[in-house]
Amino acid sequence: MARLKITQKRSVIGVKPQHRETVRSLGLKRIGDIVVKEDRPEIRGMVKAVNHLVAVEEVD
């Protein structure tokens, strides 16, 4: 199964609390943090909600 490499690119200061919680639930804490998650619909939805704060790449 494909995996997603998610990198936090922007700060969560000043964003909506719901977006802040979404970034935190993805496992990101600060700018530059990287997590690798399985490519599932739940993760895709979370990334779509905060796409202005993160960058996403597909990895094998």
N, C-alpha and C. Protein backbone atom coordinates (compact mmCIF):
# COMPACT_ATOMS: atom_id res chain seq x y z
N MET A 1 0.84 -1.18 0.00
CA MET A 1 0.00 0.00 0.00
C MET A 1 0.88 1.25 0.00
N ALA A 2 0.44 2.27 -0.68
CA ALA A 2 1.19 3.52 -0.77
C ALA A 2 1.21 4.23 0.58
N ARG A 3 2.20 5.07 0.73
CA ARG A 3 2.32 5.84 1.96
C ARG A 3 2.49 7.30 1.61
N LEU A 4 2.12 8.16 2.55
CA LEU A 4 2.21 9.61 2.35
C LEU A 4 3.24 10.19 3.30
N LYS A 5 4.11 11.03 2.77
CA LYS A 5 5.07 11.77 3.59
C LYS A 5 4.49 13.17 3.77
N ILE A 6 4.16 13.51 5.01
CA ILE A 6 3.49 14.78 5.32
C ILE A 6 4.47 15.66 6.08
N THR A 7 4.69 16.87 5.59
CA THR A 7 5.62 17.81 6.20
C THR A 7 4.86 19.07 6.59
N GLN A 8 5.06 19.53 7.83
CA GLN A 8 4.42 20.78 8.24
C GLN A 8 5.25 21.94 7.71
N LYS A 9 4.60 22.82 6.94
CA LYS A 9 5.30 23.93 6.29
C LYS A 9 5.01 25.28 6.95
N ARG A 10 3.85 25.41 7.60
CA ARG A 10 3.48 26.69 8.19
C ARG A 10 3.07 26.49 9.64
N SER A 11 3.12 27.57 10.40
CA SER A 11 2.77 27.54 11.81
C SER A 11 1.26 27.44 11.99
N VAL A 12 0.85 26.88 13.12
CA VAL A 12 -0.57 26.80 13.43
C VAL A 12 -1.03 27.99 14.27
N ILE A 13 -0.13 28.93 14.54
CA ILE A 13 -0.51 30.13 15.28
C ILE A 13 -1.49 30.93 14.43
N GLY A 14 -2.62 31.26 14.99
CA GLY A 14 -3.60 32.08 14.31
C GLY A 14 -4.56 31.33 13.42
N VAL A 15 -4.45 30.00 13.34
CA VAL A 15 -5.40 29.24 12.53
C VAL A 15 -6.55 28.77 13.40
N LYS A 16 -7.58 28.26 12.77
CA LYS A 16 -8.75 27.80 13.50
C LYS A 16 -8.37 26.65 14.43
N PRO A 17 -8.98 26.59 15.60
CA PRO A 17 -8.67 25.51 16.55
C PRO A 17 -8.86 24.12 15.95
N GLN A 18 -9.85 23.96 15.08
CA GLN A 18 -10.10 22.66 14.47
C GLN A 18 -8.93 22.27 13.56
N HIS A 19 -8.37 23.23 12.83
CA HIS A 19 -7.22 22.94 11.97
C HIS A 19 -5.99 22.63 12.82
N ARG A 20 -5.85 23.34 13.92
CA ARG A 20 -4.73 23.09 14.83
C ARG A 20 -4.79 21.66 15.37
N GLU A 21 -5.97 21.21 15.74
CA GLU A 21 -6.15 19.85 16.25
C GLU A 21 -5.89 18.81 15.16
N THR A 22 -6.27 19.12 13.94
CA THR A 22 -6.03 18.19 12.84
C THR A 22 -4.54 18.01 12.59
N VAL A 23 -3.79 19.11 12.59
CA VAL A 23 -2.33 19.02 12.41
C VAL A 23 -1.72 18.21 13.54
N ARG A 24 -2.18 18.43 14.75
CA ARG A 24 -1.65 17.70 15.90
C ARG A 24 -1.99 16.21 15.81
N SER A 25 -3.19 15.89 15.35
CA SER A 25 -3.59 14.49 15.25
C SER A 25 -2.86 13.76 14.12
N LEU A 26 -2.32 14.51 13.17
CA LEU A 26 -1.48 13.91 12.15
C LEU A 26 -0.10 13.56 12.71
N GLY A 27 0.22 14.06 13.89
CA GLY A 27 1.50 13.77 14.52
C GLY A 27 2.54 14.85 14.32
N LEU A 28 2.11 16.02 13.87
CA LEU A 28 3.03 17.12 13.62
C LEU A 28 3.00 18.10 14.79
N LYS A 29 4.18 18.57 15.19
CA LYS A 29 4.25 19.47 16.34
C LYS A 29 4.80 20.84 15.98
N ARG A 30 5.74 20.89 15.03
CA ARG A 30 6.37 22.15 14.71
C ARG A 30 6.74 22.19 13.22
N ILE A 31 7.07 23.37 12.75
CA ILE A 31 7.44 23.54 11.35
C ILE A 31 8.64 22.66 11.03
N GLY A 32 8.57 21.95 9.93
CA GLY A 32 9.66 21.08 9.51
C GLY A 32 9.49 19.64 9.94
N ASP A 33 8.54 19.36 10.83
CA ASP A 33 8.29 17.98 11.24
C ASP A 33 7.77 17.17 10.06
N ILE A 34 8.18 15.90 10.00
CA ILE A 34 7.78 15.00 8.92
C ILE A 34 7.22 13.73 9.54
N VAL A 35 6.08 13.27 9.02
CA VAL A 35 5.53 11.98 9.41
C VAL A 35 5.20 11.20 8.14
N VAL A 36 5.24 9.89 8.25
CA VAL A 36 4.86 9.03 7.13
C VAL A 36 3.65 8.22 7.58
N LYS A 37 2.56 8.34 6.84
CA LYS A 37 1.31 7.68 7.17
C LYS A 37 0.85 6.82 6.01
N GLU A 38 0.06 5.80 6.31
CA GLU A 38 -0.54 4.99 5.27
C GLU A 38 -1.53 5.84 4.47
N ASP A 39 -1.63 5.58 3.18
CA ASP A 39 -2.54 6.33 2.31
C ASP A 39 -3.95 5.76 2.48
N ARG A 40 -4.71 6.37 3.39
CA ARG A 40 -6.08 5.94 3.66
C ARG A 40 -7.00 7.14 3.49
N PRO A 41 -8.29 6.90 3.25
CA PRO A 41 -9.23 8.01 3.07
C PRO A 41 -9.27 8.97 4.26
N GLU A 42 -9.12 8.44 5.48
CA GLU A 42 -9.16 9.30 6.67
C GLU A 42 -7.99 10.29 6.67
N ILE A 43 -6.81 9.78 6.33
CA ILE A 43 -5.62 10.63 6.30
C ILE A 43 -5.72 11.64 5.17
N ARG A 44 -6.21 11.20 4.00
CA ARG A 44 -6.38 12.12 2.87
C ARG A 44 -7.32 13.27 3.24
N GLY A 45 -8.40 12.96 3.95
CA GLY A 45 -9.34 13.99 4.37
C GLY A 45 -8.72 14.98 5.34
N MET A 46 -7.91 14.47 6.26
CA MET A 46 -7.24 15.35 7.22
C MET A 46 -6.26 16.27 6.50
N VAL A 47 -5.52 15.71 5.54
CA VAL A 47 -4.56 16.51 4.78
C VAL A 47 -5.28 17.56 3.95
N LYS A 48 -6.40 17.19 3.37
CA LYS A 48 -7.16 18.14 2.55
C LYS A 48 -7.66 19.32 3.39
N ALA A 49 -8.01 19.05 4.64
CA ALA A 49 -8.51 20.11 5.52
C ALA A 49 -7.42 21.12 5.88
N VAL A 50 -6.18 20.67 5.94
CA VAL A 50 -5.09 21.57 6.35
C VAL A 50 -4.03 21.68 5.26
N ASN A 51 -4.44 21.60 4.00
CA ASN A 51 -3.46 21.61 2.91
C ASN A 51 -2.70 22.93 2.80
N HIS A 52 -3.20 23.99 3.43
CA HIS A 52 -2.49 25.26 3.43
C HIS A 52 -1.36 25.29 4.47
N LEU A 53 -1.29 24.28 5.33
CA LEU A 53 -0.27 24.21 6.37
C LEU A 53 0.78 23.13 6.14
N VAL A 54 0.47 22.16 5.28
CA VAL A 54 1.33 21.00 5.10
C VAL A 54 1.66 20.78 3.62
N ALA A 55 2.71 19.99 3.40
CA ALA A 55 3.06 19.52 2.06
C ALA A 55 3.02 18.02 2.07
N VAL A 56 2.56 17.41 0.97
CA VAL A 56 2.36 15.96 0.92
C VAL A 56 3.08 15.39 -0.30
N GLU A 57 3.77 14.25 -0.08
CA GLU A 57 4.41 13.51 -1.16
C GLU A 57 4.05 12.05 -1.00
N GLU A 58 3.94 11.34 -2.12
CA GLU A 58 3.72 9.90 -2.05
C GLU A 58 5.07 9.22 -2.06
N VAL A 59 5.24 8.25 -1.16
CA VAL A 59 6.47 7.46 -1.10
C VAL A 59 6.12 5.99 -1.16
N ASP A 60 7.08 5.16 -1.51
CA ASP A 60 6.84 3.73 -1.61
C ASP A 60 7.04 3.06 -0.27
